Amino acid sequence: MSKNIFVISYFSNMPGVCQAEWVDDRVSSFSKRGYKLLLFSSLCSFKSKDSSVSHIRIPSLTPHSFTFEYDQIIEKKIPFSQLKMYLLNWYYLVTKFIYKIMCFIGLRTGEARWGWMISAFIYSLRYINHIRKSEFIYTTGGPPGGHLIAIVFGKILSIRVIANFKIH
């Protein structure tokens, strides 16, 4: 039996965010049981320090969502290498410009984090061999895109999906 889990949650390692606390508690529990985890989260999450967690922080593609993530990185002083910060700064300027144009012509974007779902799906393709070896896929909290990715890969790879929906 495999001891790998693929975890998808936009929110993770974000102090004071209840959706992050849900997944952080579950990740800690899985880790204590001897599982190795591949965790996909947003760019504005602090990197996991748990050695059993391979934490991939993924940026959103849409200007509105990326701007939110970038602002969180700056506000919370989330560490990145100098090269990554340079690239993030450059991408921020580009997305900010695109967002202003979109607002000017009346194309404001929504808040559902669909841009993160697209980039997370693309990253998932890169890690397909690791995902294939997972005992199950676990997703919780935040945007519905994470649940959708889990369901798609669960069906394609015949892997059990545990989607933890939180309804307030």
C-alpha atoms as a PDB file:
ATOM      1  CA  MET A   1       0.000   0.000   0.000  1.00  0.00           C
ATOM      2  CA  SER A   2       1.268   3.465  -0.923  1.00  0.00           C
ATOM      3  CA  LYS A   3       2.156   5.945   1.804  1.00  0.00           C
ATOM      4  CA  ASN A   4       1.772   9.035  -0.408  1.00  0.00           C
ATOM      5  CA  ILE A   5      -1.011  11.607  -0.394  1.00  0.00           C
ATOM      6  CA  PHE A   6      -1.664  14.437  -2.828  1.00  0.00           C
ATOM      7  CA  VAL A   7      -3.133  17.411  -0.923  1.00  0.00           C
ATOM      8  CA  ILE A   8      -4.714  20.397  -2.671  1.00  0.00           C
ATOM      9  CA  SER A   9      -5.691  23.513  -0.755  1.00  0.00           C
ATOM     10  CA  TYR A  10      -5.348  27.135  -1.822  1.00  0.00           C
ATOM     11  CA  PHE A  11      -4.960  28.042   1.845  1.00  0.00           C
ATOM     12  CA  SER A  12      -2.156  26.431   3.850  1.00  0.00           C
ATOM     13  CA  ASN A  13       0.341  27.715   6.416  1.00  0.00           C
ATOM     14  CA  MET A  14      -1.422  31.067   6.619  1.00  0.00           C
ATOM     15  CA  PRO A  15      -1.701  32.140  10.270  1.00  0.00           C
ATOM     16  CA  GLY A  16      -5.160  33.417  11.189  1.00  0.00           C
ATOM     17  CA  VAL A  17      -6.946  31.894   8.181  1.00  0.00           C
ATOM     18  CA  CYS A  18      -9.392  29.191   9.287  1.00  0.00           C
ATOM     19  CA  GLN A  19      -9.277  27.341   5.937  1.00  0.00           C
ATOM     20  CA  ALA A  20      -5.495  27.067   6.335  1.00  0.00           C
ATOM     21  CA  GLU A  21      -5.886  25.745   9.870  1.00  0.00           C
ATOM     22  CA  TRP A  22      -8.192  22.973   8.587  1.00  0.00           C
ATOM     23  CA  VAL A  23      -5.654  21.691   6.100  1.00  0.00           C
ATOM     24  CA  ASP A  24      -2.646  22.293   8.377  1.00  0.00           C
ATOM     25  CA  ASP A  25      -4.222  20.117  11.079  1.00  0.00           C
ATOM     26  CA  ARG A  26      -4.933  17.370   8.562  1.00  0.00           C
ATOM     27  CA  VAL A  27      -1.430  17.567   7.010  1.00  0.00           C
ATOM     28  CA  SER A  28       0.111  17.283  10.483  1.00  0.00           C
ATOM     29  CA  SER A  29      -2.071  14.254  11.227  1.00  0.00           C
ATOM     30  CA  PHE A  30      -1.118  12.538   7.945  1.00  0.00           C
ATOM     31  CA  SER A  31       2.562  13.278   8.556  1.00  0.00           C
ATOM     32  CA  LYS A  32       2.440  11.756  12.057  1.00  0.00           C
ATOM     33  CA  ARG A  33       0.974   8.594  10.525  1.00  0.00           C
ATOM     34  CA  GLY A  34       4.016   8.232   8.262  1.00  0.00           C
ATOM     35  CA  TYR A  35       2.607   9.583   5.001  1.00  0.00           C
ATOM     36  CA  LYS A  36       4.663  11.563   2.496  1.00  0.00           C
ATOM     37  CA  LEU A  37       2.651  14.459   1.128  1.00  0.00           C
ATOM     38  CA  LEU A  38       2.677  16.496  -2.048  1.00  0.00           C
ATOM     39  CA  LEU A  39       0.927  19.727  -1.038  1.00  0.00           C
ATOM     40  CA  PHE A  40      -0.268  22.300  -3.566  1.00  0.00           C
ATOM     41  CA  SER A  41      -1.191  25.676  -2.124  1.00  0.00           C
ATOM     42  CA  SER A  42      -1.268  29.325  -3.115  1.00  0.00           C
ATOM     43  CA  LEU A  43       1.799  31.452  -3.568  1.00  0.00           C
ATOM     44  CA  CYS A  44       0.908  33.464  -0.456  1.00  0.00           C
ATOM     45  CA  SER A  45       1.366  30.498   1.894  1.00  0.00           C
ATOM     46  CA  PHE A  46       4.398  30.096   4.107  1.00  0.00           C
ATOM     47  CA  LYS A  47       6.516  27.150   2.981  1.00  0.00           C
ATOM     48  CA  SER A  48       5.936  24.005   5.044  1.00  0.00           C
ATOM     49  CA  LYS A  49       8.887  23.077   7.275  1.00  0.00           C
ATOM     50  CA  ASP A  50       7.746  19.461   7.687  1.00  0.00           C
ATOM     51  CA  SER A  51      10.271  17.158   5.993  1.00  0.00           C
ATOM     52  CA  SER A  52       7.516  14.727   4.953  1.00  0.00           C
ATOM     53  CA  VAL A  53       5.764  17.484   2.963  1.00  0.00           C
ATOM     54  CA  SER A  54       6.828  18.492  -0.524  1.00  0.00           C
ATOM     55  CA  HIS A  55       5.131  21.898  -0.592  1.00  0.00           C
ATOM     56  CA  ILE A  56       4.564  23.496  -3.995  1.00  0.00           C
ATOM     57  CA  ARG A  57       3.327  27.094  -3.888  1.00  0.00           C
ATOM     58  CA  ILE A  58       1.524  27.963  -7.096  1.00  0.00           C
ATOM     59  CA  PRO A  59       0.731  31.466  -8.401  1.00  0.00           C
ATOM     60  CA  SER A  60      -2.634  32.444  -9.835  1.00  0.00           C
ATOM     61  CA  LEU A  61      -2.792  33.368 -13.492  1.00  0.00           C
ATOM     62  CA  THR A  62      -5.530  35.985 -13.309  1.00  0.00           C
ATOM     63  CA  PRO A  63      -4.503  39.582 -12.523  1.00  0.00           C
ATOM     64  CA  HIS A  64      -6.946  40.061  -9.631  1.00  0.00           C
ATOM     65  CA  SER A  65      -5.992  36.858  -7.823  1.00  0.00           C
ATOM     66  CA  PHE A  66      -2.252  37.286  -8.372  1.00  0.00           C
ATOM     67  CA  THR A  67      -2.395  40.873  -7.110  1.00  0.00           C
ATOM     68  CA  PHE A  68      -4.053  39.596  -3.919  1.00  0.00           C
ATOM     69  CA  GLU A  69      -1.325  36.949  -3.512  1.00  0.00           C
ATOM     70  CA  TYR A  70       1.477  39.434  -4.125  1.00  0.00           C
ATOM     71  CA  ASP A  71       0.012  41.901  -1.628  1.00  0.00           C
ATOM     72  CA  GLN A  72      -0.149  39.084   0.964  1.00  0.00           C
ATOM     73  CA  ILE A  73       3.493  38.146   0.288  1.00  0.00           C
ATOM     74  CA  ILE A  74       4.590  41.741   0.922  1.00  0.00           C
ATOM     75  CA  GLU A  75       2.277  42.335   3.900  1.00  0.00           C
ATOM     76  CA  LYS A  76       3.181  39.085   5.697  1.00  0.00           C
ATOM     77  CA  LYS A  77       6.849  39.150   4.622  1.00  0.00           C
ATOM     78  CA  ILE A  78       6.646  35.642   3.147  1.00  0.00           C
ATOM     79  CA  PRO A  79      10.220  34.670   2.224  1.00  0.00           C
ATOM     80  CA  PHE A  80      11.306  33.919  -1.334  1.00  0.00           C
ATOM     81  CA  SER A  81      14.718  33.825  -2.960  1.00  0.00           C
ATOM     82  CA  GLN A  82      16.006  37.043  -4.506  1.00  0.00           C
ATOM     83  CA  LEU A  83      15.469  35.667  -8.031  1.00  0.00           C
ATOM     84  CA  LYS A  84      11.893  34.591  -7.286  1.00  0.00           C
ATOM     85  CA  MET A  85      11.105  37.994  -5.760  1.00  0.00           C
ATOM     86  CA  TYR A  86      12.508  39.695  -8.852  1.00  0.00           C
ATOM     87  CA  LEU A  87      10.274  37.537 -11.071  1.00  0.00           C
ATOM     88  CA  LEU A  88       7.268  38.083  -8.806  1.00  0.00           C
ATOM     89  CA  ASN A  89       7.842  41.857  -8.861  1.00  0.00           C
ATOM     90  CA  TRP A  90       8.015  41.818 -12.650  1.00  0.00           C
ATOM     91  CA  TYR A  91       4.884  39.663 -12.978  1.00  0.00           C
ATOM     92  CA  TYR A  92       3.084  41.891 -10.472  1.00  0.00           C
ATOM     93  CA  LEU A  93       3.752  44.985 -12.587  1.00  0.00           C
ATOM     94  CA  VAL A  94       2.499  43.223 -15.708  1.00  0.00           C
ATOM     95  CA  THR A  95      -0.658  41.889 -14.040  1.00  0.00           C
ATOM     96  CA  LYS A  96      -1.364  45.233 -12.366  1.00  0.00           C
ATOM     97  CA  PHE A  97      -1.194  46.917 -15.787  1.00  0.00           C
ATOM     98  CA  ILE A  98      -3.465  44.274 -17.347  1.00  0.00           C
ATOM     99  CA  TYR A  99      -5.912  44.600 -14.445  1.00  0.00           C
ATOM    100  CA  LYS A 100      -6.116  48.387 -14.897  1.00  0.00           C
ATOM    101  CA  ILE A 101      -6.868  47.922 -18.591  1.00  0.00           C
ATOM    102  CA  MET A 102      -9.525  45.311 -17.775  1.00  0.00           C
ATOM    103  CA  CYS A 103     -11.156  47.670 -15.257  1.00  0.00           C
ATOM    104  CA  PHE A 104     -11.040  50.542 -17.748  1.00  0.00           C
ATOM    105  CA  ILE A 105     -12.918  48.538 -20.387  1.00  0.00           C
ATOM    106  CA  GLY A 106     -15.369  47.096 -17.843  1.00  0.00           C
ATOM    107  CA  LEU A 107     -13.960  43.574 -17.436  1.00  0.00           C
ATOM    108  CA  ARG A 108     -13.453  43.306 -13.700  1.00  0.00           C
ATOM    109  CA  THR A 109     -12.669  39.794 -12.576  1.00  0.00           C
ATOM    110  CA  GLY A 110     -14.414  37.796  -9.868  1.00  0.00           C
ATOM    111  CA  GLU A 111     -13.080  36.456  -6.615  1.00  0.00           C
ATOM    112  CA  ALA A 112     -13.395  32.671  -7.020  1.00  0.00           C
ATOM    113  CA  ARG A 113      -9.664  32.031  -7.576  1.00  0.00           C
ATOM    114  CA  TRP A 114     -10.266  30.253 -10.886  1.00  0.00           C
ATOM    115  CA  GLY A 115      -6.879  31.533 -12.075  1.00  0.00           C
ATOM    116  CA  TRP A 116      -5.249  29.474  -9.352  1.00  0.00           C
ATOM    117  CA  MET A 117      -7.190  26.398 -10.416  1.00  0.00           C
ATOM    118  CA  ILE A 118      -5.833  26.685 -13.954  1.00  0.00           C
ATOM    119  CA  SER A 119      -2.211  27.039 -12.857  1.00  0.00           C
ATOM    120  CA  ALA A 120      -2.604  24.296 -10.212  1.00  0.00           C
ATOM    121  CA  PHE A 121      -3.993  21.958 -12.872  1.00  0.00           C
ATOM    122  CA  ILE A 122      -1.003  22.687 -15.131  1.00  0.00           C
ATOM    123  CA  TYR A 123       1.401  22.042 -12.228  1.00  0.00           C
ATOM    124  CA  SER A 124      -0.458  18.792 -11.508  1.00  0.00           C
ATOM    125  CA  LEU A 125       0.449  17.543 -14.969  1.00  0.00           C
ATOM    126  CA  ARG A 126       4.117  18.064 -14.121  1.00  0.00           C
ATOM    127  CA  TYR A 127       3.731  15.919 -10.989  1.00  0.00           C
ATOM    128  CA  ILE A 128       1.505  13.262 -12.556  1.00  0.00           C
ATOM    129  CA  ASN A 129       3.873  10.373 -11.689  1.00  0.00           C
ATOM    130  CA  HIS A 130       3.917  11.359  -8.020  1.00  0.00           C
ATOM    131  CA  ILE A 131       0.142  11.807  -7.974  1.00  0.00           C
ATOM    132  CA  ARG A 132      -0.333   8.394  -9.604  1.00  0.00           C
ATOM    133  CA  LYS A 133       1.498   6.780  -6.653  1.00  0.00           C
ATOM    134  CA  SER A 134      -0.752   8.445  -4.075  1.00  0.00           C
ATOM    135  CA  GLU A 135      -3.040   6.382  -1.894  1.00  0.00           C
ATOM    136  CA  PHE A 136      -5.648   9.135  -2.160  1.00  0.00           C
ATOM    137  CA  ILE A 137      -6.131  12.812  -2.980  1.00  0.00           C
ATOM    138  CA  TYR A 138      -7.253  15.101  -0.167  1.00  0.00           C
ATOM    139  CA  THR A 139      -8.692  18.571  -0.699  1.00  0.00           C
ATOM    140  CA  THR A 140     -10.246  21.077   1.647  1.00  0.00           C
ATOM    141  CA  GLY A 141     -11.012  24.698   2.299  1.00  0.00           C
ATOM    142  CA  GLY A 142     -11.122  27.698   0.103  1.00  0.00           C
ATOM    143  CA  PRO A 143     -11.825  27.853  -3.608  1.00  0.00           C
ATOM    144  CA  PRO A 144     -13.812  25.089  -5.323  1.00  0.00           C
ATOM    145  CA  GLY A 145     -11.123  24.756  -8.009  1.00  0.00           C
ATOM    146  CA  GLY A 146      -9.007  22.560  -5.735  1.00  0.00           C
ATOM    147  CA  HIS A 147     -11.896  20.132  -5.340  1.00  0.00           C
ATOM    148  CA  LEU A 148     -12.437  20.081  -9.100  1.00  0.00           C
ATOM    149  CA  ILE A 149      -8.764  19.263  -9.763  1.00  0.00           C
ATOM    150  CA  ALA A 150      -8.925  16.427  -7.217  1.00  0.00           C
ATOM    151  CA  ILE A 151     -12.044  14.971  -8.816  1.00  0.00           C
ATOM    152  CA  VAL A 152     -10.574  15.144 -12.333  1.00  0.00           C
ATOM    153  CA  PHE A 153      -7.293  13.469 -11.347  1.00  0.00           C
ATOM    154  CA  GLY A 154      -9.099  10.973  -9.142  1.00  0.00           C
ATOM    155  CA  LYS A 155     -11.219   9.858 -12.109  1.00  0.00           C
ATOM    156  CA  ILE A 156      -8.349   9.857 -14.620  1.00  0.00           C
ATOM    157  CA  LEU A 157      -5.954   7.947 -12.348  1.00  0.00           C
ATOM    158  CA  SER A 158      -8.546   5.848 -10.468  1.00  0.00           C
ATOM    159  CA  ILE A 159      -7.470   7.276  -7.119  1.00  0.00           C
ATOM    160  CA  ARG A 160      -9.798   7.782  -4.173  1.00  0.00           C
ATOM    161  CA  VAL A 161     -10.665  11.448  -3.499  1.00  0.00           C
ATOM    162  CA  ILE A 162     -11.500  12.849  -0.090  1.00  0.00           C
ATOM    163  CA  ALA A 163     -13.055  16.289  -0.610  1.00  0.00           C
ATOM    164  CA  ASN A 164     -13.638  18.034   2.685  1.00  0.00           C
ATOM    165  CA  PHE A 165     -16.252  20.715   2.016  1.00  0.00           C
ATOM    166  CA  LYS A 166     -16.746  23.374   4.668  1.00  0.00           C
ATOM    167  CA  ILE A 167     -20.106  25.077   4.470  1.00  0.00           C
ATOM    168  CA  HIS A 168     -20.788  28.040   6.729  1.00  0.00           C
END
